[in-house]
């Protein structure tokens, strides 16, 4: 069996997060109820439970329902330990406090190898909340495009960007919209939308071969 390094922060939170009176270590917004979610809906007259009462509890569609996938398309784990556990050689592109946790775009040029297959980022970053601005993303896309490297952008905390407005020219778009085909974006409703109990997440890419490979791996 593959041995994955223990995720100490997650284990610590699992021990204390449900019993603490005040949880200052939480990385999510406060969870909301189904009634709270319905109150945010544009369709406040319908019964939020009516659809579920008539829904058969089958395995469902393997890739998620077309209705859900179409909605997500209109919106647009430890990221290094898992590849390492599968035998990948991992080079770390590190941020540091002295730079306000900002990434230096010159660094990946020095650590990319001739056989580099994937660049992984998360935006906004966890746990610092630092934002990778549009200019850095544009330069990263140029670097990846030159060598046909896939970029995986974990956007599970999007749109929780602090200290920057969507009107700011530095505001980062989703990487999926930046015109590079070999891009994979992951997201979920757990963090930014406080709906962890729904267990809904997604993978989006303009490269159909990537989606097919992921679907085959999931099967």
C-alpha atoms as a PDB file:
ATOM      1  CA  UNK A   1       0.000   0.000   0.000  1.00  0.00           C
ATOM      2  CA  UNK A   2       1.231   3.491  -0.841  1.00  0.00           C
ATOM      3  CA  UNK A   3       2.214   5.409   2.279  1.00  0.00           C
ATOM      4  CA  UNK A   4       1.062   9.045   2.237  1.00  0.00           C
ATOM      5  CA  UNK A   5       2.592  11.453   4.726  1.00  0.00           C
ATOM      6  CA  UNK A   6       0.216  12.278   7.599  1.00  0.00           C
ATOM      7  CA  UNK A   7      -1.699  15.545   7.175  1.00  0.00           C
ATOM      8  CA  UNK A   8      -1.044  16.832  10.706  1.00  0.00           C
ATOM      9  CA  UNK A   9      -3.238  19.940  10.492  1.00  0.00           C
ATOM     10  CA  UNK A  10      -6.261  17.915   9.374  1.00  0.00           C
ATOM     11  CA  UNK A  11      -5.704  15.358  12.136  1.00  0.00           C
ATOM     12  CA  UNK A  12      -5.447  18.105  14.754  1.00  0.00           C
ATOM     13  CA  UNK A  13      -8.652  19.752  13.507  1.00  0.00           C
ATOM     14  CA  UNK A  14     -10.454  16.403  13.471  1.00  0.00           C
ATOM     15  CA  UNK A  15      -9.634  15.977  17.164  1.00  0.00           C
ATOM     16  CA  UNK A  16     -10.912  19.364  18.320  1.00  0.00           C
ATOM     17  CA  UNK A  17     -13.122  21.154  15.783  1.00  0.00           C
ATOM     18  CA  UNK A  18     -16.455  19.596  16.818  1.00  0.00           C
ATOM     19  CA  UNK A  19     -15.965  20.107  20.564  1.00  0.00           C
ATOM     20  CA  UNK A  20     -14.442  23.592  20.711  1.00  0.00           C
ATOM     21  CA  UNK A  21     -16.654  26.486  21.775  1.00  0.00           C
ATOM     22  CA  UNK A  22     -14.760  28.927  19.564  1.00  0.00           C
ATOM     23  CA  UNK A  23     -12.960  27.524  16.530  1.00  0.00           C
ATOM     24  CA  UNK A  24     -10.310  30.012  15.413  1.00  0.00           C
ATOM     25  CA  UNK A  25      -8.522  27.394  13.298  1.00  0.00           C
ATOM     26  CA  UNK A  26     -11.404  26.899  10.860  1.00  0.00           C
ATOM     27  CA  UNK A  27     -10.704  27.618   7.191  1.00  0.00           C
ATOM     28  CA  UNK A  28     -14.359  27.633   6.069  1.00  0.00           C
ATOM     29  CA  UNK A  29     -17.207  30.054   6.546  1.00  0.00           C
ATOM     30  CA  UNK A  30     -19.834  29.107   9.126  1.00  0.00           C
ATOM     31  CA  UNK A  31     -21.965  26.274   7.748  1.00  0.00           C
ATOM     32  CA  UNK A  32     -25.547  27.005   6.747  1.00  0.00           C
ATOM     33  CA  UNK A  33     -28.718  24.920   6.809  1.00  0.00           C
ATOM     34  CA  UNK A  34     -30.912  23.822   3.904  1.00  0.00           C
ATOM     35  CA  UNK A  35     -33.401  26.534   4.936  1.00  0.00           C
ATOM     36  CA  UNK A  36     -30.623  29.136   4.806  1.00  0.00           C
ATOM     37  CA  UNK A  37     -29.638  27.921   1.349  1.00  0.00           C
ATOM     38  CA  UNK A  38     -33.252  28.062   0.161  1.00  0.00           C
ATOM     39  CA  UNK A  39     -33.517  31.642   1.436  1.00  0.00           C
ATOM     40  CA  UNK A  40     -30.682  32.579  -0.931  1.00  0.00           C
ATOM     41  CA  UNK A  41     -32.415  30.938  -3.886  1.00  0.00           C
ATOM     42  CA  UNK A  42     -34.255  32.869  -6.590  1.00  0.00           C
ATOM     43  CA  UNK A  43     -37.096  30.345  -6.260  1.00  0.00           C
ATOM     44  CA  UNK A  44     -38.319  30.970  -2.715  1.00  0.00           C
ATOM     45  CA  UNK A  45     -41.865  29.728  -3.336  1.00  0.00           C
ATOM     46  CA  UNK A  46     -40.984  26.092  -4.003  1.00  0.00           C
ATOM     47  CA  UNK A  47     -40.570  23.399  -1.360  1.00  0.00           C
ATOM     48  CA  UNK A  48     -36.819  22.678  -1.131  1.00  0.00           C
ATOM     49  CA  UNK A  49     -37.512  19.068  -0.132  1.00  0.00           C
ATOM     50  CA  UNK A  50     -40.154  18.225  -2.760  1.00  0.00           C
ATOM     51  CA  UNK A  51     -37.614  17.205  -5.390  1.00  0.00           C
ATOM     52  CA  UNK A  52     -35.732  14.948  -2.973  1.00  0.00           C
ATOM     53  CA  UNK A  53     -38.884  13.125  -1.851  1.00  0.00           C
ATOM     54  CA  UNK A  54     -39.454  11.778  -5.368  1.00  0.00           C
ATOM     55  CA  UNK A  55     -35.801  11.199  -6.259  1.00  0.00           C
ATOM     56  CA  UNK A  56     -34.691   7.575  -6.334  1.00  0.00           C
ATOM     57  CA  UNK A  57     -31.525   6.915  -4.350  1.00  0.00           C
ATOM     58  CA  UNK A  58     -29.565   5.286  -7.160  1.00  0.00           C
ATOM     59  CA  UNK A  59     -25.847   5.643  -7.799  1.00  0.00           C
ATOM     60  CA  UNK A  60     -26.707   8.537 -10.091  1.00  0.00           C
ATOM     61  CA  UNK A  61     -24.682   9.680 -13.072  1.00  0.00           C
ATOM     62  CA  UNK A  62     -21.005   8.784 -12.696  1.00  0.00           C
ATOM     63  CA  UNK A  63     -19.750  12.177 -13.899  1.00  0.00           C
ATOM     64  CA  UNK A  64     -22.489  14.155 -12.169  1.00  0.00           C
ATOM     65  CA  UNK A  65     -25.855  15.143 -13.614  1.00  0.00           C
ATOM     66  CA  UNK A  66     -25.927  17.204 -16.797  1.00  0.00           C
ATOM     67  CA  UNK A  67     -27.984  19.824 -14.963  1.00  0.00           C
ATOM     68  CA  UNK A  68     -25.324  20.271 -12.280  1.00  0.00           C
ATOM     69  CA  UNK A  69     -22.446  20.203 -14.775  1.00  0.00           C
ATOM     70  CA  UNK A  70     -24.098  22.853 -16.958  1.00  0.00           C
ATOM     71  CA  UNK A  71     -24.565  25.124 -13.944  1.00  0.00           C
ATOM     72  CA  UNK A  72     -20.936  24.685 -12.904  1.00  0.00           C
ATOM     73  CA  UNK A  73     -19.725  25.286 -16.466  1.00  0.00           C
ATOM     74  CA  UNK A  74     -21.434  28.663 -16.409  1.00  0.00           C
ATOM     75  CA  UNK A  75     -19.460  29.628 -13.307  1.00  0.00           C
ATOM     76  CA  UNK A  76     -16.683  29.254 -15.114  1.00  0.00           C
ATOM     77  CA  UNK A  77      -5.732  17.350  -0.374  1.00  0.00           C
ATOM     78  CA  UNK A  78      -2.374  18.222  -0.065  1.00  0.00           C
ATOM     79  CA  UNK A  79      -1.268  19.252  -3.483  1.00  0.00           C
ATOM     80  CA  UNK A  80       2.288  17.931  -3.379  1.00  0.00           C
ATOM     81  CA  UNK A  81       2.088  14.888  -1.079  1.00  0.00           C
ATOM     82  CA  UNK A  82      -0.308  12.945  -3.298  1.00  0.00           C
ATOM     83  CA  UNK A  83       1.815  13.237  -6.489  1.00  0.00           C
ATOM     84  CA  UNK A  84       4.909  12.359  -4.459  1.00  0.00           C
ATOM     85  CA  UNK A  85       3.189   9.261  -3.042  1.00  0.00           C
ATOM     86  CA  UNK A  86       2.490   8.107  -6.604  1.00  0.00           C
ATOM     87  CA  UNK A  87       6.159   8.316  -7.515  1.00  0.00           C
ATOM     88  CA  UNK A  88       6.317  11.789  -9.063  1.00  0.00           C
ATOM     89  CA  UNK A  89       9.401  13.933  -8.527  1.00  0.00           C
ATOM     90  CA  UNK A  90       8.103  17.111  -6.880  1.00  0.00           C
ATOM     91  CA  UNK A  91       9.811  20.516  -6.888  1.00  0.00           C
ATOM     92  CA  UNK A  92       8.350  23.154  -4.564  1.00  0.00           C
ATOM     93  CA  UNK A  93       7.604  26.712  -5.695  1.00  0.00           C
ATOM     94  CA  UNK A  94       7.645  28.416  -2.303  1.00  0.00           C
ATOM     95  CA  UNK A  95       6.199  31.692  -1.087  1.00  0.00           C
ATOM     96  CA  UNK A  96       7.467  33.353   2.073  1.00  0.00           C
ATOM     97  CA  UNK A  97       6.265  35.862   4.627  1.00  0.00           C
ATOM     98  CA  UNK A  98       8.900  38.458   3.722  1.00  0.00           C
ATOM     99  CA  UNK A  99       7.269  38.839   0.296  1.00  0.00           C
ATOM    100  CA  UNK A 100       3.759  38.920   1.743  1.00  0.00           C
ATOM    101  CA  UNK A 101       3.412  35.274   0.690  1.00  0.00           C
ATOM    102  CA  UNK A 102       3.574  36.305  -2.955  1.00  0.00           C
ATOM    103  CA  UNK A 103       5.069  33.919  -5.505  1.00  0.00           C
ATOM    104  CA  UNK A 104       8.135  34.994  -7.466  1.00  0.00           C
ATOM    105  CA  UNK A 105       7.501  34.179 -11.127  1.00  0.00           C
ATOM    106  CA  UNK A 106      11.206  33.688 -11.888  1.00  0.00           C
ATOM    107  CA  UNK A 107      11.426  30.682  -9.546  1.00  0.00           C
ATOM    108  CA  UNK A 108       9.504  28.120 -11.629  1.00  0.00           C
ATOM    109  CA  UNK A 109      11.798  28.823 -14.571  1.00  0.00           C
ATOM    110  CA  UNK A 110      14.638  27.428 -12.478  1.00  0.00           C
ATOM    111  CA  UNK A 111      12.871  24.320 -11.201  1.00  0.00           C
ATOM    112  CA  UNK A 112      11.073  23.197 -14.364  1.00  0.00           C
ATOM    113  CA  UNK A 113      12.792  20.154 -15.821  1.00  0.00           C
ATOM    114  CA  UNK A 114      12.742  18.740 -19.357  1.00  0.00           C
ATOM    115  CA  UNK A 115      10.301  16.056 -18.152  1.00  0.00           C
ATOM    116  CA  UNK A 116       8.017  18.326 -16.075  1.00  0.00           C
ATOM    117  CA  UNK A 117       4.386  17.336 -16.732  1.00  0.00           C
ATOM    118  CA  UNK A 118       2.353  19.427 -14.301  1.00  0.00           C
ATOM    119  CA  UNK A 119       2.399  22.738 -12.420  1.00  0.00           C
ATOM    120  CA  UNK A 120       0.044  22.902  -9.415  1.00  0.00           C
ATOM    121  CA  UNK A 121      -1.125  26.135  -7.773  1.00  0.00           C
ATOM    122  CA  UNK A 122      -3.999  27.142  -5.512  1.00  0.00           C
ATOM    123  CA  UNK A 123      -5.624  30.553  -5.701  1.00  0.00           C
ATOM    124  CA  UNK A 124      -6.315  32.053  -3.249  1.00  0.00           C
ATOM    125  CA  UNK A 125      -3.618  30.189  -1.391  1.00  0.00           C
ATOM    126  CA  UNK A 126      -4.304  28.074   1.688  1.00  0.00           C
ATOM    127  CA  UNK A 127      -3.633  28.748   4.530  1.00  0.00           C
ATOM    128  CA  UNK A 128      -2.208  32.270   3.950  1.00  0.00           C
ATOM    129  CA  UNK A 129      -5.066  33.611   1.828  1.00  0.00           C
ATOM    130  CA  UNK A 130      -2.501  35.250  -0.471  1.00  0.00           C
ATOM    131  CA  UNK A 131      -3.806  36.034  -3.946  1.00  0.00           C
ATOM    132  CA  UNK A 132      -1.927  35.137  -7.125  1.00  0.00           C
ATOM    133  CA  UNK A 133      -2.616  38.216  -9.295  1.00  0.00           C
ATOM    134  CA  UNK A 134      -3.576  38.248 -12.955  1.00  0.00           C
ATOM    135  CA  UNK A 135      -0.083  39.290 -14.104  1.00  0.00           C
ATOM    136  CA  UNK A 136       1.548  36.301 -12.385  1.00  0.00           C
ATOM    137  CA  UNK A 137      -1.030  33.925 -13.865  1.00  0.00           C
ATOM    138  CA  UNK A 138      -0.440  35.356 -17.345  1.00  0.00           C
ATOM    139  CA  UNK A 139       3.314  34.846 -17.044  1.00  0.00           C
ATOM    140  CA  UNK A 140       2.801  31.340 -15.669  1.00  0.00           C
ATOM    141  CA  UNK A 141       0.600  30.451 -18.642  1.00  0.00           C
ATOM    142  CA  UNK A 142       3.316  31.706 -21.000  1.00  0.00           C
ATOM    143  CA  UNK A 143       5.907  29.511 -19.250  1.00  0.00           C
ATOM    144  CA  UNK A 144       3.653  26.443 -19.368  1.00  0.00           C
ATOM    145  CA  UNK A 145       2.568  27.001 -22.973  1.00  0.00           C
ATOM    146  CA  UNK A 146       6.177  27.155 -24.155  1.00  0.00           C
ATOM    147  CA  UNK A 147       6.765  23.616 -22.868  1.00  0.00           C
ATOM    148  CA  UNK A 148       3.179  22.255 -23.171  1.00  0.00           C
ATOM    149  CA  UNK A 149       2.958  21.703 -19.405  1.00  0.00           C
ATOM    150  CA  UNK A 150      -0.457  21.169 -17.806  1.00  0.00           C
ATOM    151  CA  UNK A 151      -1.428  23.670 -15.090  1.00  0.00           C
ATOM    152  CA  UNK A 152      -3.722  22.515 -12.282  1.00  0.00           C
ATOM    153  CA  UNK A 153      -5.306  25.429 -10.428  1.00  0.00           C
ATOM    154  CA  UNK A 154      -7.073  24.495  -7.187  1.00  0.00           C
ATOM    155  CA  UNK A 155      -9.730  27.215  -6.833  1.00  0.00           C
ATOM    156  CA  UNK A 156     -11.692  25.680  -3.969  1.00  0.00           C
ATOM    157  CA  UNK A 157     -11.514  28.968  -2.003  1.00  0.00           C
ATOM    158  CA  UNK A 158     -12.520  31.133  -4.948  1.00  0.00           C
ATOM    159  CA  UNK A 159     -14.073  33.779  -4.696  1.00  0.00           C
ATOM    160  CA  UNK A 160     -12.805  34.475  -1.152  1.00  0.00           C
ATOM    161  CA  UNK A 161     -10.206  37.030  -2.231  1.00  0.00           C
ATOM    162  CA  UNK A 162      -9.230  39.459   0.528  1.00  0.00           C
ATOM    163  CA  UNK A 163      -7.875  43.002   0.085  1.00  0.00           C
ATOM    164  CA  UNK A 164      -8.594  43.050  -3.639  1.00  0.00           C
ATOM    165  CA  UNK A 165     -11.702  44.050  -5.578  1.00  0.00           C
ATOM    166  CA  UNK A 166     -12.978  42.536  -8.849  1.00  0.00           C
ATOM    167  CA  UNK A 167     -12.528  46.033 -10.300  1.00  0.00           C
ATOM    168  CA  UNK A 168      -8.793  45.900  -9.563  1.00  0.00           C
ATOM    169  CA  UNK A 169      -6.779  45.108 -12.727  1.00  0.00           C
ATOM    170  CA  UNK A 170      -4.712  42.667 -10.643  1.00  0.00           C
ATOM    171  CA  UNK A 171      -7.825  40.631  -9.737  1.00  0.00           C
ATOM    172  CA  UNK A 172      -7.268  37.026 -10.871  1.00  0.00           C
ATOM    173  CA  UNK A 173      -9.722  35.409 -13.261  1.00  0.00           C
ATOM    174  CA  UNK A 174     -10.255  31.690 -13.099  1.00  0.00           C
ATOM    175  CA  UNK A 175      -7.336  30.056 -14.862  1.00  0.00           C
ATOM    176  CA  UNK A 176      -9.840  28.319 -17.124  1.00  0.00           C
ATOM    177  CA  UNK A 177     -10.606  31.634 -18.841  1.00  0.00           C
ATOM    178  CA  UNK A 178      -7.022  32.521 -19.737  1.00  0.00           C
ATOM    179  CA  UNK A 179      -6.924  30.879 -23.147  1.00  0.00           C
ATOM    180  CA  UNK A 180      -4.606  27.966 -22.370  1.00  0.00           C
ATOM    181  CA  UNK A 181      -6.052  24.589 -23.304  1.00  0.00           C
ATOM    182  CA  UNK A 182      -3.878  22.463 -21.013  1.00  0.00           C
ATOM    183  CA  UNK A 183      -5.476  23.802 -17.844  1.00  0.00           C
ATOM    184  CA  UNK A 184      -7.332  21.911 -15.114  1.00  0.00           C
ATOM    185  CA  UNK A 185      -9.380  23.745 -12.487  1.00  0.00           C
ATOM    186  CA  UNK A 186     -10.862  22.143  -9.380  1.00  0.00           C
ATOM    187  CA  UNK A 187     -13.454  23.622  -7.062  1.00  0.00           C
ATOM    188  CA  UNK A 188     -16.220  22.730  -4.625  1.00  0.00           C
ATOM    189  CA  UNK A 189     -19.076  24.211  -2.630  1.00  0.00           C
ATOM    190  CA  UNK A 190     -17.468  23.219   0.699  1.00  0.00           C
ATOM    191  CA  UNK A 191     -15.244  26.189   1.519  1.00  0.00           C
ATOM    192  CA  UNK A 192     -16.417  29.450  -0.025  1.00  0.00           C
ATOM    193  CA  UNK A 193     -20.102  28.489  -0.054  1.00  0.00           C
ATOM    194  CA  UNK A 194     -20.289  26.811   3.384  1.00  0.00           C
ATOM    195  CA  UNK A 195     -21.950  23.684   1.980  1.00  0.00           C
ATOM    196  CA  UNK A 196     -19.507  20.960   2.969  1.00  0.00           C
ATOM    197  CA  UNK A 197     -22.355  18.540   3.731  1.00  0.00           C
ATOM    198  CA  UNK A 198     -23.450  18.466   0.090  1.00  0.00           C
ATOM    199  CA  UNK A 199     -20.152  16.804  -0.908  1.00  0.00           C
ATOM    200  CA  UNK A 200     -20.163  18.466  -4.339  1.00  0.00           C
ATOM    201  CA  UNK A 201     -16.968  19.297  -6.200  1.00  0.00           C
ATOM    202  CA  UNK A 202     -15.871  19.541  -9.797  1.00  0.00           C
ATOM    203  CA  UNK A 203     -13.026  19.323 -12.278  1.00  0.00           C
ATOM    204  CA  UNK A 204     -13.105  21.613 -15.321  1.00  0.00           C
ATOM    205  CA  UNK A 205     -10.837  21.668 -18.365  1.00  0.00           C
ATOM    206  CA  UNK A 206     -10.997  22.715 -22.004  1.00  0.00           C
ATOM    207  CA  UNK A 207      -8.847  19.699 -22.865  1.00  0.00           C
ATOM    208  CA  UNK A 208     -11.282  16.833 -23.454  1.00  0.00           C
ATOM    209  CA  UNK A 209      -8.483  14.253 -23.291  1.00  0.00           C
ATOM    210  CA  UNK A 210      -7.727  15.308 -19.706  1.00  0.00           C
ATOM    211  CA  UNK A 211     -11.384  14.945 -18.711  1.00  0.00           C
ATOM    212  CA  UNK A 212     -11.563  11.513 -20.339  1.00  0.00           C
ATOM    213  CA  UNK A 213      -8.403  10.372 -18.541  1.00  0.00           C
ATOM    214  CA  UNK A 214      -9.758  11.574 -15.204  1.00  0.00           C
ATOM    215  CA  UNK A 215     -13.102   9.884 -15.827  1.00  0.00           C
ATOM    216  CA  UNK A 216     -11.337   6.620 -16.661  1.00  0.00           C
ATOM    217  CA  UNK A 217      -9.216   6.871 -13.509  1.00  0.00           C
ATOM    218  CA  UNK A 218     -12.345   7.502 -11.450  1.00  0.00           C
ATOM    219  CA  UNK A 219     -14.042   4.442 -12.970  1.00  0.00           C
END
